[in-house]
PDB file of N, CA and C in Angstrom:
ATOM      1  N   MET A   1     134.413 145.412  28.164  1.00  0.00           N
ATOM      2  CA  MET A   1     133.373 146.194  27.513  1.00  0.00           C
ATOM      3  C   MET A   1     133.862 147.598  27.132  1.00  0.00           C
ATOM      4  N   PRO A   2     134.564 148.339  28.015  1.00  0.00           N
ATOM      5  CA  PRO A   2     135.007 149.679  27.613  1.00  0.00           C
ATOM      6  C   PRO A   2     135.935 149.646  26.411  1.00  0.00           C
ATOM      7  N   ASP A   3     136.831 148.619  26.295  1.00  0.00           N
ATOM      8  CA  ASP A   3     137.714 148.546  25.133  1.00  0.00           C
ATOM      9  C   ASP A   3     136.916 148.338  23.858  1.00  0.00           C
ATOM     10  N   ARG A   4     135.904 147.500  23.945  1.00  0.00           N
ATOM     11  CA  ARG A   4     135.075 147.235  22.770  1.00  0.00           C
ATOM     12  C   ARG A   4     134.299 148.485  22.365  1.00  0.00           C
ATOM     13  N   LEU A   5     133.801 149.240  23.340  1.00  0.00           N
ATOM     14  CA  LEU A   5     133.046 150.452  23.058  1.00  0.00           C
ATOM     15  C   LEU A   5     133.933 151.509  22.398  1.00  0.00           C
ATOM     16  N   HIS A   6     135.168 151.630  22.837  1.00  0.00           N
ATOM     17  CA  HIS A   6     136.055 152.664  22.315  1.00  0.00           C
ATOM     18  C   HIS A   6     136.629 152.319  20.949  1.00  0.00           C
ATOM     19  N   ARG A   7     136.427 151.104  20.463  1.00  0.00           N
ATOM     20  CA  ARG A   7     136.914 150.748  19.135  1.00  0.00           C
ATOM     21  C   ARG A   7     136.042 151.325  18.030  1.00  0.00           C
ATOM     22  N   THR A   8     134.769 151.499  18.272  1.00  0.00           N
ATOM     23  CA  THR A   8     133.889 152.034  17.242  1.00  0.00           C
ATOM     24  C   THR A   8     134.020 153.554  17.192  1.00  0.00           C
ATOM     25  N   TRP A   9     133.688 154.137  16.064  1.00  0.00           N
ATOM     26  CA  TRP A   9     133.796 155.598  15.939  1.00  0.00           C
ATOM     27  C   TRP A   9     132.796 156.298  16.845  1.00  0.00           C
ATOM     28  N   MET A  10     131.612 155.694  17.031  1.00  0.00           N
ATOM     29  CA  MET A  10     130.622 156.301  17.915  1.00  0.00           C
ATOM     30  C   MET A  10     131.108 156.258  19.367  1.00  0.00           C
ATOM     31  N   GLY A  11     131.718 155.168  19.753  1.00  0.00           N
ATOM     32  CA  GLY A  11     132.262 155.061  21.106  1.00  0.00           C
ATOM     33  C   GLY A  11     133.370 156.055  21.355  1.00  0.00           C
ATOM     34  N   ARG A  12     134.231 156.238  20.346  1.00  0.00           N
ATOM     35  CA  ARG A  12     135.305 157.226  20.488  1.00  0.00           C
ATOM     36  C   ARG A  12     134.742 158.638  20.586  1.00  0.00           C
ATOM     37  N   LEU A  13     133.694 158.906  19.816  1.00  0.00           N
ATOM     38  CA  LEU A  13     133.067 160.229  19.859  1.00  0.00           C
ATOM     39  C   LEU A  13     132.428 160.489  21.226  1.00  0.00           C
ATOM     40  N   ILE A  14     131.704 159.508  21.732  1.00  0.00           N
ATOM     41  CA  ILE A  14     131.081 159.651  23.055  1.00  0.00           C
ATOM     42  C   ILE A  14     132.156 159.820  24.119  1.00  0.00           C
ATOM     43  N   GLY A  15     133.216 159.023  24.031  1.00  0.00           N
ATOM     44  CA  GLY A  15     134.311 159.139  24.992  1.00  0.00           C
ATOM     45  C   GLY A  15     134.988 160.493  24.940  1.00  0.00           C
ATOM     46  N   PHE A  16     135.147 161.030  23.744  1.00  0.00           N
ATOM     47  CA  PHE A  16     135.751 162.349  23.578  1.00  0.00           C
ATOM     48  C   PHE A  16     134.961 163.415  24.335  1.00  0.00           C
ATOM     49  N   TYR A  17     133.633 163.411  24.154  1.00  0.00           N
ATOM     50  CA  TYR A  17     132.811 164.425  24.808  1.00  0.00           C
ATOM     51  C   TYR A  17     132.685 164.197  26.310  1.00  0.00           C
ATOM     52  N   THR A  18     132.551 162.956  26.743  1.00  0.00           N
ATOM     53  CA  THR A  18     132.447 162.724  28.189  1.00  0.00           C
ATOM     54  C   THR A  18     133.744 163.095  28.897  1.00  0.00           C
ATOM     55  N   ASP A  19     134.884 162.774  28.299  1.00  0.00           N
ATOM     56  CA  ASP A  19     136.153 163.175  28.907  1.00  0.00           C
ATOM     57  C   ASP A  19     136.300 164.693  28.919  1.00  0.00           C
ATOM     58  N   GLY A  20     135.877 165.328  27.846  1.00  0.00           N
ATOM     59  CA  GLY A  20     135.965 166.786  27.797  1.00  0.00           C
ATOM     60  C   GLY A  20     135.091 167.456  28.839  1.00  0.00           C
ATOM     61  N   PHE A  21     133.860 166.992  28.997  1.00  0.00           N
ATOM     62  CA  PHE A  21     132.978 167.592  30.006  1.00  0.00           C
ATOM     63  C   PHE A  21     133.430 167.256  31.420  1.00  0.00           C
ATOM     64  N   ARG A  22     134.028 166.107  31.603  1.00  0.00           N
ATOM     65  CA  ARG A  22     134.499 165.714  32.922  1.00  0.00           C
ATOM     66  C   ARG A  22     135.667 166.592  33.366  1.00  0.00           C
ATOM     67  N   ASN A  23     136.455 167.045  32.417  1.00  0.00           N
ATOM     68  CA  ASN A  23     137.652 167.830  32.750  1.00  0.00           C
ATOM     69  C   ASN A  23     137.447 169.337  32.630  1.00  0.00           C
ATOM     70  N   LEU A  24     136.203 169.786  32.549  1.00  0.00           N
ATOM     71  CA  LEU A  24     135.940 171.225  32.453  1.00  0.00           C
ATOM     72  C   LEU A  24     136.239 171.926  33.768  1.00  0.00           C
ATOM     73  N   SER A  25     136.645 173.171  33.657  1.00  0.00           N
ATOM     74  CA  SER A  25     136.825 173.982  34.860  1.00  0.00           C
ATOM     75  C   SER A  25     135.456 174.443  35.357  1.00  0.00           C
ATOM     76  N   SER A  26     135.419 175.042  36.518  1.00  0.00           N
ATOM     77  CA  SER A  26     134.137 175.521  37.055  1.00  0.00           C
ATOM     78  C   SER A  26     133.572 176.628  36.179  1.00  0.00           C
ATOM     79  N   TRP A  27     134.444 177.442  35.583  1.00  0.00           N
ATOM     80  CA  TRP A  27     133.996 178.494  34.674  1.00  0.00           C
ATOM     81  C   TRP A  27     133.335 177.880  33.441  1.00  0.00           C
ATOM     82  N   GLY A  28     133.933 176.849  32.889  1.00  0.00           N
ATOM     83  CA  GLY A  28     133.378 176.179  31.718  1.00  0.00           C
ATOM     84  C   GLY A  28     132.044 175.519  32.008  1.00  0.00           C
ATOM     85  N   ARG A  29     131.923 174.911  33.177  1.00  0.00           N
ATOM     86  CA  ARG A  29     130.645 174.297  33.555  1.00  0.00           C
ATOM     87  C   ARG A  29     129.554 175.353  33.700  1.00  0.00           C
ATOM     88  N   SER A  30     129.908 176.505  34.263  1.00  0.00           N
ATOM     89  CA  SER A  30     128.930 177.590  34.410  1.00  0.00           C
ATOM     90  C   SER A  30     128.458 178.082  33.048  1.00  0.00           C
ATOM     91  N   VAL A  31     129.379 178.202  32.115  1.00  0.00           N
ATOM     92  CA  VAL A  31     129.013 178.653  30.772  1.00  0.00           C
ATOM     93  C   VAL A  31     128.077 177.641  30.123  1.00  0.00           C
ATOM     94  N   TRP A  32     128.367 176.344  30.243  1.00  0.00           N
ATOM     95  CA  TRP A  32     127.501 175.326  29.649  1.00  0.00           C
ATOM     96  C   TRP A  32     126.129 175.290  30.300  1.00  0.00           C
ATOM     97  N   ILE A  33     126.060 175.532  31.591  1.00  0.00           N
ATOM     98  CA  ILE A  33     124.754 175.599  32.267  1.00  0.00           C
ATOM     99  C   ILE A  33     123.939 176.767  31.722  1.00  0.00           C
ATOM    100  N   ILE A  34     124.577 177.919  31.542  1.00  0.00           N
ATOM    101  CA  ILE A  34     123.887 179.088  30.985  1.00  0.00           C
ATOM    102  C   ILE A  34     123.409 178.800  29.564  1.00  0.00           C
ATOM    103  N   ILE A  35     124.247 178.158  28.760  1.00  0.00           N
ATOM    104  CA  ILE A  35     123.862 177.817  27.385  1.00  0.00           C
ATOM    105  C   ILE A  35     122.664 176.883  27.373  1.00  0.00           C
ATOM    106  N   LEU A  36     122.669 175.859  28.212  1.00  0.00           N
ATOM    107  CA  LEU A  36     121.555 174.906  28.255  1.00  0.00           C
ATOM    108  C   LEU A  36     120.262 175.560  28.732  1.00  0.00           C
ATOM    109  N   ILE A  37     120.362 176.463  29.702  1.00  0.00           N
ATOM    110  CA  ILE A  37     119.171 177.180  30.171  1.00  0.00           C
ATOM    111  C   ILE A  37     118.608 178.055  29.051  1.00  0.00           C
ATOM    112  N   LYS A  38     119.482 178.749  28.330  1.00  0.00           N
ATOM    113  CA  LYS A  38     119.018 179.591  27.219  1.00  0.00           C
ATOM    114  C   LYS A  38     118.370 178.759  26.115  1.00  0.00           C
ATOM    115  N   LEU A  39     118.941 177.615  25.795  1.00  0.00           N
ATOM    116  CA  LEU A  39     118.344 176.747  24.785  1.00  0.00           C
ATOM    117  C   LEU A  39     116.977 176.240  25.226  1.00  0.00           C
ATOM    118  N   PHE A  40     116.854 175.884  26.501  1.00  0.00           N
ATOM    119  CA  PHE A  40     115.563 175.446  27.013  1.00  0.00           C
ATOM    120  C   PHE A  40     114.535 176.565  26.882  1.00  0.00           C
ATOM    121  N   ILE A  41     114.914 177.777  27.246  1.00  0.00           N
ATOM    122  CA  ILE A  41     113.993 178.912  27.143  1.00  0.00           C
ATOM    123  C   ILE A  41     113.599 179.142  25.686  1.00  0.00           C
ATOM    124  N   LEU A  42     114.558 179.110  24.785  1.00  0.00           N
ATOM    125  CA  LEU A  42     114.257 179.357  23.377  1.00  0.00           C
ATOM    126  C   LEU A  42     113.332 178.305  22.782  1.00  0.00           C
ATOM    127  N   PHE A  43     113.634 177.046  23.018  1.00  0.00           N
ATOM    128  CA  PHE A  43     112.898 176.000  22.328  1.00  0.00           C
ATOM    129  C   PHE A  43     111.655 175.528  23.062  1.00  0.00           C
ATOM    130  N   ALA A  44     111.581 175.654  24.347  1.00  0.00           N
ATOM    131  CA  ALA A  44     110.423 175.148  25.081  1.00  0.00           C
ATOM    132  C   ALA A  44     109.438 176.259  25.424  1.00  0.00           C
ATOM    133  N   ILE A  45     109.896 177.247  26.127  1.00  0.00           N
ATOM    134  CA  ILE A  45     108.987 178.260  26.651  1.00  0.00           C
ATOM    135  C   ILE A  45     108.505 179.204  25.554  1.00  0.00           C
ATOM    136  N   ILE A  46     109.410 179.720  24.738  1.00  0.00           N
ATOM    137  CA  ILE A  46     108.997 180.653  23.688  1.00  0.00           C
ATOM    138  C   ILE A  46     108.101 179.955  22.677  1.00  0.00           C
ATOM    139  N   ARG A  47     108.430 178.727  22.317  1.00  0.00           N
ATOM    140  CA  ARG A  47     107.584 177.978  21.378  1.00  0.00           C
ATOM    141  C   ARG A  47     106.210 177.728  21.966  1.00  0.00           C
ATOM    142  N   LEU A  48     106.152 177.445  23.220  1.00  0.00           N
ATOM    143  CA  LEU A  48     104.884 177.150  23.878  1.00  0.00           C
ATOM    144  C   LEU A  48     103.954 178.363  23.877  1.00  0.00           C
ATOM    145  N   PHE A  49     104.485 179.552  24.151  1.00  0.00           N
ATOM    146  CA  PHE A  49     103.636 180.729  24.294  1.00  0.00           C
ATOM    147  C   PHE A  49     103.493 181.572  23.032  1.00  0.00           C
ATOM    148  N   PHE A  50     104.493 181.594  22.169  1.00  0.00           N
ATOM    149  CA  PHE A  50     104.473 182.519  21.047  1.00  0.00           C
ATOM    150  C   PHE A  50     104.334 181.866  19.682  1.00  0.00           C
ATOM    151  N   MET A  51     104.293 180.546  19.618  1.00  0.00           N
ATOM    152  CA  MET A  51     104.144 179.864  18.341  1.00  0.00           C
ATOM    153  C   MET A  51     103.002 178.854  18.424  1.00  0.00           C
ATOM    154  N   PRO A  52     101.776 179.336  18.411  1.00  0.00           N
ATOM    155  CA  PRO A  52     100.646 178.408  18.512  1.00  0.00           C
ATOM    156  C   PRO A  52     100.493 177.598  17.233  1.00  0.00           C
ATOM    157  N   ASP A  53      99.816 176.489  17.330  1.00  0.00           N
ATOM    158  CA  ASP A  53      99.576 175.622  16.182  1.00  0.00           C
ATOM    159  C   ASP A  53      98.372 176.166  15.418  1.00  0.00           C
ATOM    160  N   ILE A  54      98.637 177.006  14.428  1.00  0.00           N
ATOM    161  CA  ILE A  54      97.586 177.682  13.668  1.00  0.00           C
ATOM    162  C   ILE A  54      96.735 176.686  12.895  1.00  0.00           C
ATOM    163  N   LEU A  55      97.364 175.707  12.277  1.00  0.00           N
ATOM    164  CA  LEU A  55      96.595 174.734  11.497  1.00  0.00           C
ATOM    165  C   LEU A  55      95.640 173.941  12.380  1.00  0.00           C
ATOM    166  N   LYS A  56      96.086 173.568  13.551  1.00  0.00           N
ATOM    167  CA  LYS A  56      95.225 172.797  14.444  1.00  0.00           C
ATOM    168  C   LYS A  56      94.061 173.657  14.950  1.00  0.00           C
ATOM    169  N   LYS A  57      94.329 174.954  15.129  1.00  0.00           N
ATOM    170  CA  LYS A  57      93.291 175.849  15.620  1.00  0.00           C
ATOM    171  C   LYS A  57      92.262 176.174  14.541  1.00  0.00           C
ATOM    172  N   ASN A  58      92.715 176.343  13.293  1.00  0.00           N
ATOM    173  CA  ASN A  58      91.829 176.781  12.224  1.00  0.00           C
ATOM    174  C   ASN A  58      91.138 175.652  11.467  1.00  0.00           C
ATOM    175  N   TYR A  59      91.691 174.458  11.516  1.00  0.00           N
ATOM    176  CA  TYR A  59      91.130 173.334  10.755  1.00  0.00           C
ATOM    177  C   TYR A  59      90.900 172.154  11.688  1.00  0.00           C
ATOM    178  N   GLU A  60      89.775 171.464  11.478  1.00  0.00           N
ATOM    179  CA  GLU A  60      89.393 170.397  12.406  1.00  0.00           C
ATOM    180  C   GLU A  60      90.034 169.053  12.099  1.00  0.00           C
ATOM    181  N   THR A  61      90.185 168.699  10.825  1.00  0.00           N
ATOM    182  CA  THR A  61      90.687 167.374  10.480  1.00  0.00           C
ATOM    183  C   THR A  61      92.049 167.467   9.810  1.00  0.00           C
ATOM    184  N   ASP A  62      92.729 166.340   9.777  1.00  0.00           N
ATOM    185  CA  ASP A  62      94.022 166.292   9.102  1.00  0.00           C
ATOM    186  C   ASP A  62      93.865 166.520   7.602  1.00  0.00           C
ATOM    187  N   GLN A  63      92.761 166.059   7.059  1.00  0.00           N
ATOM    188  CA  GLN A  63      92.513 166.248   5.625  1.00  0.00           C
ATOM    189  C   GLN A  63      92.377 167.736   5.291  1.00  0.00           C
ATOM    190  N   ASP A  64      91.657 168.490   6.124  1.00  0.00           N
ATOM    191  CA  ASP A  64      91.524 169.938   5.915  1.00  0.00           C
ATOM    192  C   ASP A  64      92.883 170.629   6.011  1.00  0.00           C
ATOM    193  N   ARG A  65      93.682 170.221   6.990  1.00  0.00           N
ATOM    194  CA  ARG A  65      95.009 170.816   7.160  1.00  0.00           C
ATOM    195  C   ARG A  65      95.885 170.529   5.959  1.00  0.00           C
ATOM    196  N   SER A  66      95.880 169.292   5.507  1.00  0.00           N
ATOM    197  CA  SER A  66      96.731 168.940   4.371  1.00  0.00           C
ATOM    198  C   SER A  66      96.269 169.639   3.092  1.00  0.00           C
ATOM    199  N   ASN A  67      94.960 169.799   2.905  1.00  0.00           N
ATOM    200  CA  ASN A  67      94.455 170.520   1.735  1.00  0.00           C
ATOM    201  C   ASN A  67      94.897 171.978   1.754  1.00  0.00           C
ATOM    202  N   HIS A  68      94.833 172.597   2.926  1.00  0.00           N
ATOM    203  CA  HIS A  68      95.258 173.993   3.060  1.00  0.00           C
ATOM    204  C   HIS A  68      96.741 174.144   2.726  1.00  0.00           C
ATOM    205  N   VAL A  69      97.561 173.274   3.253  1.00  0.00           N
ATOM    206  CA  VAL A  69      98.996 173.349   2.983  1.00  0.00           C
ATOM    207  C   VAL A  69      99.273 173.091   1.512  1.00  0.00           C
ATOM    208  N   LEU A  70      98.622 172.100   0.939  1.00  0.00           N
ATOM    209  CA  LEU A  70      98.829 171.784  -0.477  1.00  0.00           C
ATOM    210  C   LEU A  70      98.415 172.944  -1.371  1.00  0.00           C
ATOM    211  N   GLU A  71      97.300 173.586  -1.077  1.00  0.00           N
ATOM    212  CA  GLU A  71      96.855 174.725  -1.884  1.00  0.00           C
ATOM    213  C   GLU A  71      97.834 175.881  -1.801  1.00  0.00           C
ATOM    214  N   ASN A  72      98.369 176.131  -0.610  1.00  0.00           N
ATOM    215  CA  ASN A  72      99.299 177.252  -0.453  1.00  0.00           C
ATOM    216  C   ASN A  72     100.670 176.953  -1.036  1.00  0.00           C
ATOM    217  N   LEU A  73     101.074 175.696  -1.030  1.00  0.00           N
ATOM    218  CA  LEU A  73     102.355 175.357  -1.632  1.00  0.00           C
ATOM    219  C   LEU A  73     102.264 175.304  -3.145  1.00  0.00           C
ATOM    220  N   ALA A  74     101.143 174.822  -3.646  1.00  0.00           N
ATOM    221  CA  ALA A  74     100.983 174.652  -5.093  1.00  0.00           C
ATOM    222  C   ALA A  74     100.749 175.974  -5.807  1.00  0.00           C
ATOM    223  N   SER A  75      99.953 176.854  -5.212  1.00  0.00           N
ATOM    224  CA  SER A  75      99.680 178.134  -5.853  1.00  0.00           C
ATOM    225  C   SER A  75      99.694 179.252  -4.829  1.00  0.00           C
ATOM    226  N   PRO A  76     100.888 179.760  -4.487  1.00  0.00           N
ATOM    227  CA  PRO A  76     100.961 180.846  -3.508  1.00  0.00           C
ATOM    228  C   PRO A  76     100.361 182.125  -4.049  1.00  0.00           C
ATOM    229  N   LYS A  77      99.812 182.910  -3.164  1.00  0.00           N
ATOM    230  CA  LYS A  77      99.216 184.183  -3.564  1.00  0.00           C
ATOM    231  C   LYS A  77     100.314 185.204  -3.833  1.00  0.00           C
ATOM    232  N   LEU A  78     100.241 185.857  -4.944  1.00  0.00           N
ATOM    233  CA  LEU A  78     101.212 186.882  -5.304  1.00  0.00           C
ATOM    234  C   LEU A  78     100.534 188.229  -5.230  1.00  0.00           C
ATOM    235  N   ASP A  79     100.511 188.825  -4.062  1.00  0.00           N
ATOM    236  CA  ASP A  79      99.868 190.127  -3.879  1.00  0.00           C
ATOM    237  C   ASP A  79     100.784 191.258  -4.216  1.00  0.00           C
TER     238      ASP A  79
END
């Protein structure tokens, strides 16, 4: 099975990254942990608290939301 997996380009790509992460030094692992924590904070926590769903809050149905978006895309206000 491993030989068959490594013959495909996707298998070679997965093998490349798993071997690379397996052979990281402790410094490299620490850096990747910090990067993953920062990405989690950026995409999960900040989005949750600072990017509310305005369309869902202001409009009750999907039809109302789609009409609002269509009107703003079709004829934007030029103030």
